[in-house]
Amino acid sequence: KTNFETTLSTDDKRILLDKIECVTGKSSLTPWSIYTVGHLAAELKRNPSVNVELAGHTDNTGSDEGNLTLSESRANVVYNMLLQKGIDESRMTAVGYGSAEPIGDNDTDAGRQKNRRTEFKVLQSF
């Protein structure tokens, strides 16, 4: 198995896309994030039986409605980049969760930064 397959064999099936960052308050990806999405596309090409949900998240700054819209937009940016890199749309869904699923403390800058993330969840594999 590749490292990707080994990771996907864990019980959780939800993986943080490390360094998938957007410009604060926007859905534009940083240069490093574009590089990381390229690696994700390569792994998905090597593992054609893997279908994923791209999940956008935000911190709790701003309105619930605004955060939901922003998180959806961020998930869609990654989705569209993967489409451009040859990943079939039937293998992906993009969902925004707003600030509903924090992994860090929204009372600190470091915690809010952790909450501004994109994850992917394996929907089907192997």
N, C-alpha and C. Protein backbone atom coordinates (compact mmCIF):
# COMPACT_ATOMS: atom_id res chain seq x y z
N LYS A 1 0.83 -1.19 0.00
CA LYS A 1 0.00 0.00 0.00
C LYS A 1 0.87 1.25 0.00
N THR A 2 0.38 2.29 -0.66
CA THR A 2 1.08 3.57 -0.60
C THR A 2 0.79 4.22 0.75
N ASN A 3 1.51 5.28 1.08
CA ASN A 3 1.23 6.00 2.32
C ASN A 3 -0.20 6.52 2.35
N PHE A 4 -0.69 6.95 1.21
CA PHE A 4 -2.06 7.46 1.10
C PHE A 4 -3.04 6.35 1.48
N GLU A 5 -2.86 5.14 0.93
CA GLU A 5 -3.75 4.03 1.24
C GLU A 5 -3.66 3.64 2.72
N THR A 6 -2.46 3.68 3.28
CA THR A 6 -2.30 3.36 4.69
C THR A 6 -3.04 4.36 5.56
N THR A 7 -2.91 5.62 5.22
CA THR A 7 -3.63 6.66 5.97
C THR A 7 -5.13 6.45 5.87
N LEU A 8 -5.60 6.08 4.69
CA LEU A 8 -7.04 5.92 4.48
C LEU A 8 -7.59 4.67 5.15
N SER A 9 -6.72 3.78 5.58
CA SER A 9 -7.20 2.57 6.24
C SER A 9 -7.46 2.79 7.73
N THR A 10 -7.23 4.01 8.22
CA THR A 10 -7.53 4.31 9.61
C THR A 10 -9.04 4.39 9.81
N ASP A 11 -9.48 4.33 11.04
CA ASP A 11 -10.92 4.36 11.33
C ASP A 11 -11.56 5.71 11.05
N ASP A 12 -10.82 6.79 11.23
CA ASP A 12 -11.41 8.13 11.15
C ASP A 12 -11.85 8.51 9.75
N LYS A 13 -11.04 8.27 8.74
CA LYS A 13 -11.32 8.60 7.34
C LYS A 13 -11.43 10.09 7.07
N ARG A 14 -11.06 10.93 8.03
CA ARG A 14 -11.07 12.38 7.84
C ARG A 14 -9.63 12.85 7.99
N ILE A 15 -9.15 13.55 6.98
CA ILE A 15 -7.75 13.93 6.95
C ILE A 15 -7.63 15.43 6.73
N LEU A 16 -6.88 16.09 7.60
CA LEU A 16 -6.63 17.51 7.47
C LEU A 16 -5.67 17.73 6.31
N LEU A 17 -6.02 18.61 5.39
CA LEU A 17 -5.11 18.95 4.31
C LEU A 17 -4.15 20.00 4.84
N ASP A 18 -2.99 19.55 5.29
CA ASP A 18 -2.03 20.44 5.91
C ASP A 18 -1.62 21.54 4.94
N LYS A 19 -1.63 22.74 5.42
CA LYS A 19 -1.20 23.92 4.68
C LYS A 19 -2.15 24.30 3.55
N ILE A 20 -3.40 23.84 3.58
CA ILE A 20 -4.39 24.38 2.66
C ILE A 20 -4.94 25.62 3.33
N GLU A 21 -4.41 26.74 2.91
CA GLU A 21 -4.76 28.01 3.53
C GLU A 21 -5.28 28.96 2.47
N CYS A 22 -6.18 29.80 2.92
CA CYS A 22 -6.72 30.85 2.06
C CYS A 22 -6.33 32.20 2.63
N VAL A 23 -6.34 33.18 1.77
CA VAL A 23 -6.14 34.54 2.21
C VAL A 23 -7.24 34.86 3.23
N THR A 24 -6.91 35.50 4.33
CA THR A 24 -7.87 35.79 5.39
C THR A 24 -9.12 36.46 4.83
N GLY A 25 -10.27 35.88 5.16
CA GLY A 25 -11.54 36.43 4.73
C GLY A 25 -11.88 36.18 3.27
N LYS A 26 -11.06 35.39 2.57
CA LYS A 26 -11.28 35.13 1.14
C LYS A 26 -11.14 33.64 0.85
N SER A 27 -11.46 33.28 -0.38
CA SER A 27 -11.33 31.88 -0.78
C SER A 27 -10.13 31.66 -1.70
N SER A 28 -9.27 32.66 -1.88
CA SER A 28 -8.07 32.52 -2.71
C SER A 28 -7.03 31.69 -1.95
N LEU A 29 -6.47 30.69 -2.64
CA LEU A 29 -5.45 29.85 -2.01
C LEU A 29 -4.09 30.53 -2.02
N THR A 30 -3.30 30.26 -0.98
CA THR A 30 -1.92 30.74 -0.94
C THR A 30 -1.09 29.87 -1.89
N PRO A 31 0.09 30.34 -2.31
CA PRO A 31 0.93 29.54 -3.21
C PRO A 31 1.25 28.14 -2.66
N TRP A 32 1.56 28.03 -1.38
CA TRP A 32 1.86 26.72 -0.80
C TRP A 32 0.63 25.81 -0.88
N SER A 33 -0.54 26.36 -0.71
CA SER A 33 -1.76 25.57 -0.76
C SER A 33 -1.99 25.01 -2.17
N ILE A 34 -1.68 25.80 -3.17
CA ILE A 34 -1.81 25.32 -4.55
C ILE A 34 -0.89 24.12 -4.77
N TYR A 35 0.31 24.19 -4.24
CA TYR A 35 1.27 23.08 -4.31
C TYR A 35 0.71 21.84 -3.61
N THR A 36 0.12 22.02 -2.44
CA THR A 36 -0.44 20.91 -1.67
C THR A 36 -1.61 20.25 -2.40
N VAL A 37 -2.46 21.05 -3.02
CA VAL A 37 -3.58 20.50 -3.79
C VAL A 37 -3.05 19.67 -4.96
N GLY A 38 -1.95 20.08 -5.54
CA GLY A 38 -1.32 19.29 -6.61
C GLY A 38 -0.92 17.91 -6.12
N HIS A 39 -0.38 17.84 -4.91
CA HIS A 39 -0.02 16.53 -4.34
C HIS A 39 -1.26 15.69 -4.07
N LEU A 40 -2.33 16.31 -3.58
CA LEU A 40 -3.57 15.58 -3.35
C LEU A 40 -4.10 15.02 -4.66
N ALA A 41 -4.06 15.81 -5.73
CA ALA A 41 -4.52 15.34 -7.04
C ALA A 41 -3.71 14.13 -7.50
N ALA A 42 -2.41 14.18 -7.30
CA ALA A 42 -1.56 13.05 -7.70
C ALA A 42 -1.92 11.79 -6.93
N GLU A 43 -2.19 11.93 -5.63
CA GLU A 43 -2.57 10.76 -4.83
C GLU A 43 -3.93 10.22 -5.26
N LEU A 44 -4.86 11.11 -5.57
CA LEU A 44 -6.18 10.65 -6.03
C LEU A 44 -6.07 9.94 -7.38
N LYS A 45 -5.18 10.39 -8.24
CA LYS A 45 -4.96 9.71 -9.52
C LYS A 45 -4.37 8.32 -9.31
N ARG A 46 -3.48 8.19 -8.33
CA ARG A 46 -2.88 6.88 -8.03
C ARG A 46 -3.87 5.94 -7.33
N ASN A 47 -4.94 6.49 -6.80
CA ASN A 47 -5.93 5.71 -6.04
C ASN A 47 -7.33 5.99 -6.60
N PRO A 48 -7.64 5.46 -7.78
CA PRO A 48 -8.88 5.83 -8.46
C PRO A 48 -10.16 5.33 -7.79
N SER A 49 -10.06 4.46 -6.81
CA SER A 49 -11.27 3.99 -6.13
C SER A 49 -11.66 4.88 -4.95
N VAL A 50 -10.87 5.92 -4.70
CA VAL A 50 -11.13 6.81 -3.56
C VAL A 50 -12.04 7.96 -4.00
N ASN A 51 -13.15 8.12 -3.31
CA ASN A 51 -14.05 9.26 -3.49
C ASN A 51 -13.99 10.08 -2.21
N VAL A 52 -14.03 11.40 -2.34
CA VAL A 52 -13.83 12.25 -1.18
C VAL A 52 -14.85 13.37 -1.07
N GLU A 53 -15.05 13.79 0.17
CA GLU A 53 -15.77 15.03 0.47
C GLU A 53 -14.73 16.06 0.86
N LEU A 54 -14.72 17.20 0.20
CA LEU A 54 -13.85 18.32 0.55
C LEU A 54 -14.64 19.20 1.50
N ALA A 55 -14.13 19.37 2.70
CA ALA A 55 -14.87 20.05 3.76
C ALA A 55 -14.15 21.34 4.15
N GLY A 56 -14.83 22.46 3.92
CA GLY A 56 -14.29 23.76 4.30
C GLY A 56 -14.78 24.15 5.68
N HIS A 57 -13.90 24.77 6.47
CA HIS A 57 -14.21 25.19 7.83
C HIS A 57 -13.68 26.61 8.06
N THR A 58 -14.28 27.30 9.01
CA THR A 58 -13.83 28.64 9.40
C THR A 58 -13.74 28.72 10.92
N ASP A 59 -13.18 29.83 11.39
CA ASP A 59 -13.25 30.10 12.82
C ASP A 59 -14.61 30.74 13.10
N ASN A 60 -14.83 31.22 14.31
CA ASN A 60 -16.15 31.78 14.65
C ASN A 60 -16.22 33.30 14.49
N THR A 61 -15.20 33.90 13.85
CA THR A 61 -15.22 35.33 13.61
C THR A 61 -16.21 35.63 12.49
N GLY A 62 -17.09 36.58 12.69
CA GLY A 62 -18.07 36.92 11.67
C GLY A 62 -19.39 36.21 11.92
N SER A 63 -20.33 36.43 11.00
CA SER A 63 -21.66 35.85 11.16
C SER A 63 -21.68 34.38 10.74
N ASP A 64 -22.63 33.65 11.29
CA ASP A 64 -22.78 32.23 10.91
C ASP A 64 -23.02 32.10 9.41
N GLU A 65 -23.88 32.95 8.87
CA GLU A 65 -24.18 32.89 7.43
C GLU A 65 -22.94 33.21 6.59
N GLY A 66 -22.20 34.22 6.98
CA GLY A 66 -20.98 34.57 6.27
C GLY A 66 -19.93 33.48 6.33
N ASN A 67 -19.78 32.86 7.52
CA ASN A 67 -18.82 31.77 7.67
C ASN A 67 -19.21 30.56 6.84
N LEU A 68 -20.50 30.25 6.78
CA LEU A 68 -20.95 29.13 5.98
C LEU A 68 -20.65 29.37 4.50
N THR A 69 -20.95 30.57 4.03
CA THR A 69 -20.68 30.92 2.63
C THR A 69 -19.19 30.86 2.33
N LEU A 70 -18.37 31.40 3.23
CA LEU A 70 -16.93 31.40 3.04
C LEU A 70 -16.38 29.97 3.04
N SER A 71 -16.85 29.13 3.94
CA SER A 71 -16.35 27.75 4.00
C SER A 71 -16.75 26.97 2.74
N GLU A 72 -17.95 27.22 2.22
CA GLU A 72 -18.38 26.57 0.97
C GLU A 72 -17.50 27.03 -0.19
N SER A 73 -17.21 28.30 -0.23
CA SER A 73 -16.37 28.85 -1.29
C SER A 73 -14.97 28.25 -1.24
N ARG A 74 -14.42 28.11 -0.05
CA ARG A 74 -13.08 27.54 0.10
C ARG A 74 -13.06 26.07 -0.33
N ALA A 75 -14.07 25.30 0.05
CA ALA A 75 -14.14 23.90 -0.38
C ALA A 75 -14.26 23.82 -1.90
N ASN A 76 -15.03 24.74 -2.49
CA ASN A 76 -15.20 24.74 -3.94
C ASN A 76 -13.93 25.13 -4.69
N VAL A 77 -13.10 25.97 -4.10
CA VAL A 77 -11.82 26.32 -4.73
C VAL A 77 -10.96 25.07 -4.88
N VAL A 78 -10.88 24.27 -3.82
CA VAL A 78 -10.09 23.04 -3.87
C VAL A 78 -10.73 22.06 -4.87
N TYR A 79 -12.04 21.93 -4.83
CA TYR A 79 -12.78 21.07 -5.76
C TYR A 79 -12.45 21.44 -7.21
N ASN A 80 -12.54 22.72 -7.52
CA ASN A 80 -12.28 23.18 -8.89
C ASN A 80 -10.83 22.98 -9.31
N MET A 81 -9.90 23.15 -8.39
CA MET A 81 -8.50 22.89 -8.72
C MET A 81 -8.28 21.41 -9.02
N LEU A 82 -8.93 20.54 -8.24
CA LEU A 82 -8.79 19.10 -8.50
C LEU A 82 -9.42 18.73 -9.84
N LEU A 83 -10.54 19.36 -10.18
CA LEU A 83 -11.14 19.15 -11.50
C LEU A 83 -10.15 19.53 -12.60
N GLN A 84 -9.52 20.69 -12.45
CA GLN A 84 -8.55 21.15 -13.45
C GLN A 84 -7.36 20.21 -13.56
N LYS A 85 -7.07 19.48 -12.49
CA LYS A 85 -5.94 18.56 -12.49
C LYS A 85 -6.35 17.14 -12.91
N GLY A 86 -7.60 17.00 -13.38
CA GLY A 86 -8.02 15.74 -13.96
C GLY A 86 -8.78 14.78 -13.06
N ILE A 87 -9.18 15.22 -11.87
CA ILE A 87 -9.96 14.36 -10.98
C ILE A 87 -11.43 14.50 -11.37
N ASP A 88 -12.09 13.39 -11.64
CA ASP A 88 -13.48 13.41 -12.11
C ASP A 88 -14.42 13.93 -11.03
N GLU A 89 -15.36 14.77 -11.45
CA GLU A 89 -16.30 15.37 -10.50
C GLU A 89 -17.14 14.34 -9.77
N SER A 90 -17.32 13.16 -10.36
CA SER A 90 -18.13 12.12 -9.71
C SER A 90 -17.44 11.55 -8.47
N ARG A 91 -16.16 11.84 -8.29
CA ARG A 91 -15.40 11.33 -7.16
C ARG A 91 -15.34 12.31 -5.99
N MET A 92 -15.94 13.51 -6.15
CA MET A 92 -15.79 14.55 -5.14
C MET A 92 -17.10 15.26 -4.85
N THR A 93 -17.23 15.70 -3.60
CA THR A 93 -18.26 16.66 -3.23
C THR A 93 -17.57 17.74 -2.42
N ALA A 94 -18.11 18.94 -2.47
CA ALA A 94 -17.56 20.06 -1.70
C ALA A 94 -18.64 20.56 -0.76
N VAL A 95 -18.30 20.66 0.53
CA VAL A 95 -19.27 21.06 1.55
C VAL A 95 -18.62 22.09 2.47
N GLY A 96 -19.38 23.10 2.83
CA GLY A 96 -18.91 24.08 3.80
C GLY A 96 -19.61 23.85 5.13
N TYR A 97 -18.84 23.85 6.20
CA TYR A 97 -19.39 23.65 7.54
C TYR A 97 -19.35 24.91 8.39
N GLY A 98 -18.86 26.00 7.81
CA GLY A 98 -18.76 27.23 8.59
C GLY A 98 -17.89 27.03 9.82
N SER A 99 -18.37 27.51 10.96
CA SER A 99 -17.62 27.39 12.22
C SER A 99 -18.17 26.28 13.11
N ALA A 100 -19.00 25.39 12.54
CA ALA A 100 -19.71 24.39 13.34
C ALA A 100 -18.85 23.26 13.90
N GLU A 101 -17.66 23.03 13.33
CA GLU A 101 -16.83 21.90 13.77
C GLU A 101 -15.42 22.34 14.13
N PRO A 102 -15.27 23.14 15.19
CA PRO A 102 -13.94 23.61 15.56
C PRO A 102 -13.05 22.48 16.07
N ILE A 103 -11.75 22.59 15.79
CA ILE A 103 -10.77 21.66 16.36
C ILE A 103 -9.82 22.40 17.29
N GLY A 104 -9.92 23.73 17.29
CA GLY A 104 -9.10 24.57 18.15
C GLY A 104 -9.98 25.51 18.96
N ASP A 105 -9.37 26.17 19.92
CA ASP A 105 -10.06 27.11 20.80
C ASP A 105 -10.28 28.43 20.08
N ASN A 106 -11.52 28.80 19.83
CA ASN A 106 -11.82 30.04 19.13
C ASN A 106 -11.54 31.29 19.96
N ASP A 107 -11.08 31.13 21.20
CA ASP A 107 -10.74 32.27 22.04
C ASP A 107 -9.28 32.69 21.88
N THR A 108 -8.51 31.95 21.08
CA THR A 108 -7.10 32.30 20.86
C THR A 108 -6.82 32.40 19.37
N ASP A 109 -5.80 33.19 19.01
CA ASP A 109 -5.41 33.30 17.61
C ASP A 109 -4.98 31.95 17.05
N ALA A 110 -4.20 31.20 17.82
CA ALA A 110 -3.72 29.89 17.37
C ALA A 110 -4.89 28.93 17.16
N GLY A 111 -5.85 28.95 18.04
CA GLY A 111 -7.01 28.08 17.91
C GLY A 111 -7.86 28.45 16.70
N ARG A 112 -8.06 29.74 16.50
CA ARG A 112 -8.84 30.18 15.33
C ARG A 112 -8.13 29.78 14.04
N GLN A 113 -6.80 29.86 14.03
CA GLN A 113 -6.05 29.48 12.84
C GLN A 113 -6.26 27.99 12.54
N LYS A 114 -6.27 27.15 13.57
CA LYS A 114 -6.52 25.71 13.38
C LYS A 114 -7.91 25.46 12.79
N ASN A 115 -8.86 26.29 13.17
CA ASN A 115 -10.23 26.10 12.72
C ASN A 115 -10.44 26.52 11.27
N ARG A 116 -9.57 27.37 10.75
CA ARG A 116 -9.65 27.78 9.34
C ARG A 116 -8.90 26.75 8.51
N ARG A 117 -9.63 25.72 8.09
CA ARG A 117 -8.97 24.58 7.47
C ARG A 117 -9.84 23.97 6.38
N THR A 118 -9.20 23.13 5.58
CA THR A 118 -9.90 22.29 4.62
C THR A 118 -9.49 20.86 4.92
N GLU A 119 -10.47 19.99 4.98
CA GLU A 119 -10.23 18.57 5.21
C GLU A 119 -10.81 17.80 4.04
N PHE A 120 -10.40 16.56 3.91
CA PHE A 120 -11.16 15.70 3.04
C PHE A 120 -11.53 14.44 3.80
N LYS A 121 -12.72 13.93 3.49
CA LYS A 121 -13.22 12.73 4.13
C LYS A 121 -13.41 11.69 3.05
N VAL A 122 -12.91 10.49 3.30
CA VAL A 122 -13.06 9.40 2.34
C VAL A 122 -14.49 8.90 2.41
N LEU A 123 -15.17 8.94 1.27
CA LEU A 123 -16.54 8.46 1.21
C LEU A 123 -16.59 7.01 0.78
N GLN A 124 -15.62 6.60 -0.03
CA GLN A 124 -15.58 5.22 -0.51
C GLN A 124 -14.15 4.94 -0.93
N SER A 125 -13.68 3.76 -0.64
CA SER A 125 -12.37 3.40 -1.14
C SER A 125 -12.19 1.90 -1.13
N PHE A 126 -11.30 1.47 -1.96
CA PHE A 126 -10.79 0.11 -2.02
C PHE A 126 -11.90 -0.91 -1.99
